[in-house]
């Protein structure tokens, strides 16, 4: 079940005119345009609130000699041998 709430908001005349123009240009209702704009704004805010992870950068010219990326068993052996040596 989809519930809707009615409310009164005050919108600047220039902003309202732009919203109506977008609604007319896209063939949508004014309500749909305003809801989409609010969803987009809230989505950007949620993304901005998320902490970002700093990932290490590795530089080089490619895969080390003797490493075969299609051979998972030898990759695991290589990883385990490097972890044991560290």
PDB file of N, CA and C in Angstrom:
ATOM      1  N   UNK A   1       0.832  -1.173   0.000  1.00  0.00           N
ATOM      2  CA  UNK A   1       0.000   0.000   0.000  1.00  0.00           C
ATOM      3  C   UNK A   1       0.881   1.242   0.000  1.00  0.00           C
ATOM      4  N   UNK A   2       0.561   2.195  -0.838  1.00  0.00           N
ATOM      5  CA  UNK A   2       1.342   3.415  -0.967  1.00  0.00           C
ATOM      6  C   UNK A   2       0.600   4.554  -0.287  1.00  0.00           C
ATOM      7  N   UNK A   3       1.212   5.149   0.717  1.00  0.00           N
ATOM      8  CA  UNK A   3       0.587   6.248   1.443  1.00  0.00           C
ATOM      9  C   UNK A   3       1.204   7.566   1.024  1.00  0.00           C
ATOM     10  N   UNK A   4       0.380   8.575   0.895  1.00  0.00           N
ATOM     11  CA  UNK A   4       0.857   9.911   0.541  1.00  0.00           C
ATOM     12  C   UNK A   4       0.458  10.887   1.637  1.00  0.00           C
ATOM     13  N   UNK A   5       1.245  11.909   1.791  1.00  0.00           N
ATOM     14  CA  UNK A   5       0.939  12.945   2.756  1.00  0.00           C
ATOM     15  C   UNK A   5       0.839  14.268   2.019  1.00  0.00           C
ATOM     16  N   UNK A   6      -0.134  15.027   2.370  1.00  0.00           N
ATOM     17  CA  UNK A   6      -0.294  16.363   1.798  1.00  0.00           C
ATOM     18  C   UNK A   6       0.254  17.365   2.792  1.00  0.00           C
ATOM     19  N   UNK A   7       0.929  18.365   2.276  1.00  0.00           N
ATOM     20  CA  UNK A   7       1.460  19.419   3.126  1.00  0.00           C
ATOM     21  C   UNK A   7       1.564  20.693   2.306  1.00  0.00           C
ATOM     22  N   UNK A   8       1.743  21.790   2.977  1.00  0.00           N
ATOM     23  CA  UNK A   8       1.913  23.076   2.311  1.00  0.00           C
ATOM     24  C   UNK A   8       3.355  23.517   2.489  1.00  0.00           C
ATOM     25  N   UNK A   9       3.987  23.882   1.394  1.00  0.00           N
ATOM     26  CA  UNK A   9       5.348  24.415   1.461  1.00  0.00           C
ATOM     27  C   UNK A   9       5.392  25.733   0.708  1.00  0.00           C
ATOM     28  N   UNK A  10       6.338  26.558   1.046  1.00  0.00           N
ATOM     29  CA  UNK A  10       6.528  27.834   0.372  1.00  0.00           C
ATOM     30  C   UNK A  10       7.722  27.705  -0.563  1.00  0.00           C
ATOM     31  N   UNK A  11       7.500  27.986  -1.850  1.00  0.00           N
ATOM     32  CA  UNK A  11       8.542  27.859  -2.865  1.00  0.00           C
ATOM     33  C   UNK A  11       8.727  29.209  -3.539  1.00  0.00           C
ATOM     34  N   UNK A  12       9.974  29.595  -3.686  1.00  0.00           N
ATOM     35  CA  UNK A  12      10.322  30.827  -4.384  1.00  0.00           C
ATOM     36  C   UNK A  12       9.668  30.839  -5.771  1.00  0.00           C
ATOM     37  N   UNK A  13       9.164  32.001  -6.200  1.00  0.00           N
ATOM     38  CA  UNK A  13       8.457  32.109  -7.487  1.00  0.00           C
ATOM     39  C   UNK A  13       9.311  31.661  -8.671  1.00  0.00           C
ATOM     40  N   UNK A  14      10.590  32.020  -8.668  1.00  0.00           N
ATOM     41  CA  UNK A  14      11.465  31.632  -9.784  1.00  0.00           C
ATOM     42  C   UNK A  14      11.685  30.113  -9.800  1.00  0.00           C
ATOM     43  N   UNK A  15      11.867  29.535  -8.623  1.00  0.00           N
ATOM     44  CA  UNK A  15      12.043  28.091  -8.529  1.00  0.00           C
ATOM     45  C   UNK A  15      10.766  27.370  -8.962  1.00  0.00           C
ATOM     46  N   UNK A  16       9.608  27.884  -8.537  1.00  0.00           N
ATOM     47  CA  UNK A  16       8.334  27.281  -8.904  1.00  0.00           C
ATOM     48  C   UNK A  16       8.133  27.315 -10.416  1.00  0.00           C
ATOM     49  N   UNK A  17       8.476  28.446 -11.039  1.00  0.00           N
ATOM     50  CA  UNK A  17       8.343  28.566 -12.494  1.00  0.00           C
ATOM     51  C   UNK A  17       9.243  27.547 -13.197  1.00  0.00           C
ATOM     52  N   UNK A  18      10.458  27.363 -12.668  1.00  0.00           N
ATOM     53  CA  UNK A  18      11.378  26.384 -13.270  1.00  0.00           C
ATOM     54  C   UNK A  18      10.846  24.961 -13.109  1.00  0.00           C
ATOM     55  N   UNK A  19      10.298  24.657 -11.947  1.00  0.00           N
ATOM     56  CA  UNK A  19       9.726  23.335 -11.718  1.00  0.00           C
ATOM     57  C   UNK A  19       8.557  23.069 -12.667  1.00  0.00           C
ATOM     58  N   UNK A  20       7.697  24.064 -12.848  1.00  0.00           N
ATOM     59  CA  UNK A  20       6.563  23.904 -13.760  1.00  0.00           C
ATOM     60  C   UNK A  20       7.035  23.717 -15.198  1.00  0.00           C
ATOM     61  N   UNK A  21       8.094  24.433 -15.575  1.00  0.00           N
ATOM     62  CA  UNK A  21       8.652  24.307 -16.925  1.00  0.00           C
ATOM     63  C   UNK A  21       9.217  22.898 -17.140  1.00  0.00           C
ATOM     64  N   UNK A  22       9.918  22.381 -16.137  1.00  0.00           N
ATOM     65  CA  UNK A  22      10.465  21.023 -16.233  1.00  0.00           C
ATOM     66  C   UNK A  22       9.332  20.009 -16.348  1.00  0.00           C
ATOM     67  N   UNK A  23       8.293  20.184 -15.548  1.00  0.00           N
ATOM     68  CA  UNK A  23       7.148  19.272 -15.603  1.00  0.00           C
ATOM     69  C   UNK A  23       6.514  19.282 -16.986  1.00  0.00           C
ATOM     70  N   UNK A  24       6.324  20.458 -17.546  1.00  0.00           N
ATOM     71  CA  UNK A  24       5.715  20.565 -18.872  1.00  0.00           C
ATOM     72  C   UNK A  24       6.621  19.963 -19.946  1.00  0.00           C
ATOM     73  N   UNK A  25       7.926  20.243 -19.850  1.00  0.00           N
ATOM     74  CA  UNK A  25       8.876  19.737 -20.850  1.00  0.00           C
ATOM     75  C   UNK A  25       8.994  18.214 -20.827  1.00  0.00           C
ATOM     76  N   UNK A  26       8.845  17.623 -19.645  1.00  0.00           N
ATOM     77  CA  UNK A  26       9.035  16.182 -19.513  1.00  0.00           C
ATOM     78  C   UNK A  26       7.718  15.412 -19.480  1.00  0.00           C
ATOM     79  N   UNK A  27       6.598  16.120 -19.503  1.00  0.00           N
ATOM     80  CA  UNK A  27       5.298  15.451 -19.493  1.00  0.00           C
ATOM     81  C   UNK A  27       4.960  14.799 -18.168  1.00  0.00           C
ATOM     82  N   UNK A  28       5.540  15.313 -17.086  1.00  0.00           N
ATOM     83  CA  UNK A  28       5.255  14.763 -15.761  1.00  0.00           C
ATOM     84  C   UNK A  28       4.469  15.776 -14.946  1.00  0.00           C
ATOM     85  N   UNK A  29       3.932  15.310 -13.840  1.00  0.00           N
ATOM     86  CA  UNK A  29       3.222  16.223 -12.958  1.00  0.00           C
ATOM     87  C   UNK A  29       4.218  17.039 -12.148  1.00  0.00           C
ATOM     88  N   UNK A  30       3.755  18.164 -11.649  1.00  0.00           N
ATOM     89  CA  UNK A  30       4.597  18.991 -10.787  1.00  0.00           C
ATOM     90  C   UNK A  30       5.000  18.215  -9.543  1.00  0.00           C
ATOM     91  N   UNK A  31       4.072  17.437  -9.012  1.00  0.00           N
ATOM     92  CA  UNK A  31       4.359  16.607  -7.838  1.00  0.00           C
ATOM     93  C   UNK A  31       5.508  15.639  -8.123  1.00  0.00           C
ATOM     94  N   UNK A  32       5.479  14.984  -9.275  1.00  0.00           N
ATOM     95  CA  UNK A  32       6.525  14.019  -9.625  1.00  0.00           C
ATOM     96  C   UNK A  32       7.881  14.709  -9.749  1.00  0.00           C
ATOM     97  N   UNK A  33       7.911  15.896 -10.350  1.00  0.00           N
ATOM     98  CA  UNK A  33       9.173  16.629 -10.505  1.00  0.00           C
ATOM     99  C   UNK A  33       9.734  17.006  -9.137  1.00  0.00           C
ATOM    100  N   UNK A  34       8.882  17.503  -8.252  1.00  0.00           N
ATOM    101  CA  UNK A  34       9.336  17.907  -6.913  1.00  0.00           C
ATOM    102  C   UNK A  34       9.810  16.687  -6.126  1.00  0.00           C
ATOM    103  N   UNK A  35       9.065  15.575  -6.194  1.00  0.00           N
ATOM    104  CA  UNK A  35       9.483  14.364  -5.476  1.00  0.00           C
ATOM    105  C   UNK A  35      10.821  13.850  -5.991  1.00  0.00           C
ATOM    106  N   UNK A  36      11.009  13.849  -7.303  1.00  0.00           N
ATOM    107  CA  UNK A  36      12.283  13.393  -7.872  1.00  0.00           C
ATOM    108  C   UNK A  36      13.435  14.289  -7.422  1.00  0.00           C
ATOM    109  N   UNK A  37      13.197  15.593  -7.400  1.00  0.00           N
ATOM    110  CA  UNK A  37      14.237  16.536  -6.965  1.00  0.00           C
ATOM    111  C   UNK A  37      14.590  16.304  -5.498  1.00  0.00           C
ATOM    112  N   UNK A  38      13.598  16.071  -4.671  1.00  0.00           N
ATOM    113  CA  UNK A  38      13.855  15.802  -3.255  1.00  0.00           C
ATOM    114  C   UNK A  38      14.610  14.488  -3.065  1.00  0.00           C
ATOM    115  N   UNK A  39      14.202  13.455  -3.815  1.00  0.00           N
ATOM    116  CA  UNK A  39      14.906  12.162  -3.720  1.00  0.00           C
ATOM    117  C   UNK A  39      16.372  12.308  -4.109  1.00  0.00           C
ATOM    118  N   UNK A  40      16.620  13.037  -5.203  1.00  0.00           N
ATOM    119  CA  UNK A  40      17.994  13.232  -5.659  1.00  0.00           C
ATOM    120  C   UNK A  40      18.815  13.991  -4.620  1.00  0.00           C
ATOM    121  N   UNK A  41      18.232  15.025  -4.045  1.00  0.00           N
ATOM    122  CA  UNK A  41      18.936  15.802  -3.033  1.00  0.00           C
ATOM    123  C   UNK A  41      19.247  14.953  -1.800  1.00  0.00           C
ATOM    124  N   UNK A  42      18.280  14.172  -1.352  1.00  0.00           N
ATOM    125  CA  UNK A  42      18.500  13.311  -0.185  1.00  0.00           C
ATOM    126  C   UNK A  42      19.528  12.227  -0.477  1.00  0.00           C
ATOM    127  N   UNK A  43      19.512  11.695  -1.684  1.00  0.00           N
ATOM    128  CA  UNK A  43      20.485  10.675  -2.074  1.00  0.00           C
ATOM    129  C   UNK A  43      21.902  11.242  -2.054  1.00  0.00           C
ATOM    130  N   UNK A  44      22.073  12.446  -2.582  1.00  0.00           N
ATOM    131  CA  UNK A  44      23.401  13.086  -2.564  1.00  0.00           C
ATOM    132  C   UNK A  44      23.860  13.318  -1.135  1.00  0.00           C
ATOM    133  N   UNK A  45      22.953  13.713  -0.275  1.00  0.00           N
ATOM    134  CA  UNK A  45      23.310  13.966   1.128  1.00  0.00           C
ATOM    135  C   UNK A  45      23.745  12.676   1.805  1.00  0.00           C
ATOM    136  N   UNK A  46      23.023  11.566   1.552  1.00  0.00           N
ATOM    137  CA  UNK A  46      23.406  10.279   2.153  1.00  0.00           C
ATOM    138  C   UNK A  46      24.784   9.853   1.665  1.00  0.00           C
ATOM    139  N   UNK A  47      25.056  10.044   0.376  1.00  0.00           N
ATOM    140  CA  UNK A  47      26.364   9.671  -0.166  1.00  0.00           C
ATOM    141  C   UNK A  47      27.465  10.528   0.435  1.00  0.00           C
ATOM    142  N   UNK A  48      27.192  11.819   0.649  1.00  0.00           N
ATOM    143  CA  UNK A  48      28.200  12.721   1.214  1.00  0.00           C
ATOM    144  C   UNK A  48      28.478  12.381   2.673  1.00  0.00           C
ATOM    145  N   UNK A  49      27.489  11.821   3.370  1.00  0.00           N
ATOM    146  CA  UNK A  49      27.657  11.479   4.779  1.00  0.00           C
ATOM    147  C   UNK A  49      28.449  10.197   4.990  1.00  0.00           C
ATOM    148  N   UNK A  50      28.568   9.378   3.942  1.00  0.00           N
ATOM    149  CA  UNK A  50      29.301   8.119   4.075  1.00  0.00           C
ATOM    150  C   UNK A  50      30.801   8.381   4.164  1.00  0.00           C
ATOM    151  N   UNK A  51      31.469   7.707   5.086  1.00  0.00           N
ATOM    152  CA  UNK A  51      32.922   7.864   5.137  1.00  0.00           C
ATOM    153  C   UNK A  51      33.565   7.214   3.910  1.00  0.00           C
ATOM    154  N   UNK A  52      34.618   7.812   3.444  1.00  0.00           N
ATOM    155  CA  UNK A  52      35.329   7.244   2.305  1.00  0.00           C
ATOM    156  C   UNK A  52      36.549   6.489   2.808  1.00  0.00           C
ATOM    157  N   UNK A  53      36.873   5.426   2.130  1.00  0.00           N
ATOM    158  CA  UNK A  53      38.024   4.623   2.504  1.00  0.00           C
ATOM    159  C   UNK A  53      39.209   5.034   1.641  1.00  0.00           C
ATOM    160  N   UNK A  54      40.343   5.189   2.273  1.00  0.00           N
ATOM    161  CA  UNK A  54      41.570   5.478   1.540  1.00  0.00           C
ATOM    162  C   UNK A  54      42.187   4.152   1.122  1.00  0.00           C
ATOM    163  N   UNK A  55      42.282   3.942  -0.162  1.00  0.00           N
ATOM    164  CA  UNK A  55      42.859   2.703  -0.675  1.00  0.00           C
ATOM    165  C   UNK A  55      44.317   2.924  -1.045  1.00  0.00           C
ATOM    166  N   UNK A  56      45.169   1.937  -0.751  1.00  0.00           N
ATOM    167  CA  UNK A  56      46.580   2.091  -1.098  1.00  0.00           C
ATOM    168  C   UNK A  56      46.768   2.047  -2.615  1.00  0.00           C
ATOM    169  N   UNK A  57      47.733   2.801  -3.096  1.00  0.00           N
ATOM    170  CA  UNK A  57      48.059   2.813  -4.519  1.00  0.00           C
ATOM    171  C   UNK A  57      49.350   2.048  -4.737  1.00  0.00           C
ATOM    172  N   UNK A  58      49.358   1.249  -5.764  1.00  0.00           N
ATOM    173  CA  UNK A  58      50.545   0.489  -6.115  1.00  0.00           C
ATOM    174  C   UNK A  58      50.939   0.868  -7.531  1.00  0.00           C
ATOM    175  N   UNK A  59      52.205   1.097  -7.710  1.00  0.00           N
ATOM    176  CA  UNK A  59      52.696   1.501  -9.027  1.00  0.00           C
ATOM    177  C   UNK A  59      53.598   0.400  -9.570  1.00  0.00           C
ATOM    178  N   UNK A  60      53.563   0.242 -10.830  1.00  0.00           N
ATOM    179  CA  UNK A  60      54.410  -0.771 -11.431  1.00  0.00           C
ATOM    180  C   UNK A  60      54.090  -0.918 -12.907  1.00  0.00           C
ATOM    181  N   UNK A  61      54.666  -1.928 -13.491  1.00  0.00           N
ATOM    182  CA  UNK A  61      54.488  -2.123 -14.927  1.00  0.00           C
ATOM    183  C   UNK A  61      53.637  -3.349 -15.237  1.00  0.00           C
ATOM    184  N   UNK A  62      53.004  -3.935 -14.228  1.00  0.00           N
ATOM    185  CA  UNK A  62      52.158  -5.093 -14.484  1.00  0.00           C
ATOM    186  C   UNK A  62      52.385  -6.191 -13.480  1.00  0.00           C
ATOM    187  N   UNK A  63      52.091  -7.388 -13.902  1.00  0.00           N
ATOM    188  CA  UNK A  63      52.189  -8.562 -13.044  1.00  0.00           C
ATOM    189  C   UNK A  63      53.651  -8.944 -12.862  1.00  0.00           C
ATOM    190  N   UNK A  64      53.984  -9.410 -11.651  1.00  0.00           N
ATOM    191  CA  UNK A  64      55.350  -9.856 -11.381  1.00  0.00           C
ATOM    192  C   UNK A  64      55.694 -11.039 -12.273  1.00  0.00           C
ATOM    193  N   UNK A  65      56.964 -11.179 -12.639  1.00  0.00           N
ATOM    194  CA  UNK A  65      57.373 -12.321 -13.468  1.00  0.00           C
ATOM    195  C   UNK A  65      57.032 -13.639 -12.776  1.00  0.00           C
ATOM    196  N   UNK A  66      56.470 -14.568 -13.535  1.00  0.00           N
ATOM    197  CA  UNK A  66      56.134 -15.880 -13.007  1.00  0.00           C
ATOM    198  C   UNK A  66      54.761 -15.969 -12.371  1.00  0.00           C
ATOM    199  N   UNK A  67      54.022 -14.865 -12.301  1.00  0.00           N
ATOM    200  CA  UNK A  67      52.690 -14.884 -11.704  1.00  0.00           C
ATOM    201  C   UNK A  67      51.667 -15.108 -12.808  1.00  0.00           C
ATOM    202  N   UNK A  68      50.825 -16.131 -12.616  1.00  0.00           N
ATOM    203  CA  UNK A  68      49.765 -16.443 -13.569  1.00  0.00           C
ATOM    204  C   UNK A  68      48.425 -16.139 -12.892  1.00  0.00           C
ATOM    205  N   UNK A  69      47.757 -15.071 -13.323  1.00  0.00           N
ATOM    206  CA  UNK A  69      46.510 -14.651 -12.684  1.00  0.00           C
ATOM    207  C   UNK A  69      45.373 -15.652 -12.883  1.00  0.00           C
ATOM    208  N   UNK A  70      45.506 -16.565 -13.838  1.00  0.00           N
ATOM    209  CA  UNK A  70      44.449 -17.553 -14.061  1.00  0.00           C
ATOM    210  C   UNK A  70      44.647 -18.805 -13.207  1.00  0.00           C
ATOM    211  N   UNK A  71      45.754 -18.892 -12.469  1.00  0.00           N
ATOM    212  CA  UNK A  71      46.048 -20.053 -11.623  1.00  0.00           C
ATOM    213  C   UNK A  71      45.860 -19.650 -10.161  1.00  0.00           C
ATOM    214  N   UNK A  72      44.634 -19.858  -9.646  1.00  0.00           N
ATOM    215  CA  UNK A  72      44.330 -19.400  -8.295  1.00  0.00           C
ATOM    216  C   UNK A  72      45.130 -20.131  -7.221  1.00  0.00           C
ATOM    217  N   UNK A  73      45.438 -21.388  -7.448  1.00  0.00           N
ATOM    218  CA  UNK A  73      46.188 -22.145  -6.446  1.00  0.00           C
ATOM    219  C   UNK A  73      47.595 -21.564  -6.272  1.00  0.00           C
ATOM    220  N   UNK A  74      48.259 -21.245  -7.376  1.00  0.00           N
ATOM    221  CA  UNK A  74      49.607 -20.683  -7.252  1.00  0.00           C
ATOM    222  C   UNK A  74      49.551 -19.251  -6.703  1.00  0.00           C
ATOM    223  N   UNK A  75      48.475 -18.524  -7.010  1.00  0.00           N
ATOM    224  CA  UNK A  75      48.325 -17.184  -6.431  1.00  0.00           C
ATOM    225  C   UNK A  75      48.184 -17.273  -4.921  1.00  0.00           C
ATOM    226  N   UNK A  76      47.388 -18.216  -4.443  1.00  0.00           N
ATOM    227  CA  UNK A  76      47.216 -18.406  -3.003  1.00  0.00           C
ATOM    228  C   UNK A  76      48.543 -18.794  -2.349  1.00  0.00           C
ATOM    229  N   UNK A  77      49.292 -19.683  -2.995  1.00  0.00           N
ATOM    230  CA  UNK A  77      50.614 -20.066  -2.470  1.00  0.00           C
ATOM    231  C   UNK A  77      51.527 -18.851  -2.382  1.00  0.00           C
ATOM    232  N   UNK A  78      51.518 -18.018  -3.416  1.00  0.00           N
ATOM    233  CA  UNK A  78      52.359 -16.820  -3.442  1.00  0.00           C
ATOM    234  C   UNK A  78      51.960 -15.852  -2.337  1.00  0.00           C
ATOM    235  N   UNK A  79      50.660 -15.642  -2.159  1.00  0.00           N
ATOM    236  CA  UNK A  79      50.175 -14.738  -1.114  1.00  0.00           C
ATOM    237  C   UNK A  79      50.577 -15.254   0.260  1.00  0.00           C
ATOM    238  N   UNK A  80      50.365 -16.546   0.494  1.00  0.00           N
ATOM    239  CA  UNK A  80      50.695 -17.129   1.799  1.00  0.00           C
ATOM    240  C   UNK A  80      52.200 -17.087   2.064  1.00  0.00           C
ATOM    241  N   UNK A  81      53.006 -17.292   1.041  1.00  0.00           N
ATOM    242  CA  UNK A  81      54.459 -17.260   1.244  1.00  0.00           C
ATOM    243  C   UNK A  81      54.916 -15.832   1.531  1.00  0.00           C
ATOM    244  N   UNK A  82      54.310 -14.838   0.941  1.00  0.00           N
ATOM    245  CA  UNK A  82      54.671 -13.441   1.208  1.00  0.00           C
ATOM    246  C   UNK A  82      54.196 -12.996   2.576  1.00  0.00           C
ATOM    247  N   UNK A  83      53.042 -13.477   3.029  1.00  0.00           N
ATOM    248  CA  UNK A  83      52.536 -13.116   4.350  1.00  0.00           C
ATOM    249  C   UNK A  83      53.401 -13.747   5.438  1.00  0.00           C
ATOM    250  N   UNK A  84      53.899 -14.955   5.193  1.00  0.00           N
ATOM    251  CA  UNK A  84      54.752 -15.620   6.161  1.00  0.00           C
ATOM    252  C   UNK A  84      56.110 -14.970   6.262  1.00  0.00           C
ATOM    253  N   UNK A  85      56.592 -14.393   5.170  1.00  0.00           N
ATOM    254  CA  UNK A  85      57.915 -13.768   5.157  1.00  0.00           C
ATOM    255  C   UNK A  85      57.900 -12.396   5.791  1.00  0.00           C
ATOM    256  N   UNK A  86      56.732 -11.764   5.861  1.00  0.00           N
ATOM    257  CA  UNK A  86      56.655 -10.383   6.353  1.00  0.00           C
ATOM    258  C   UNK A  86      56.726 -10.293   7.840  1.00  0.00           C
TER     259      UNK A  86
END
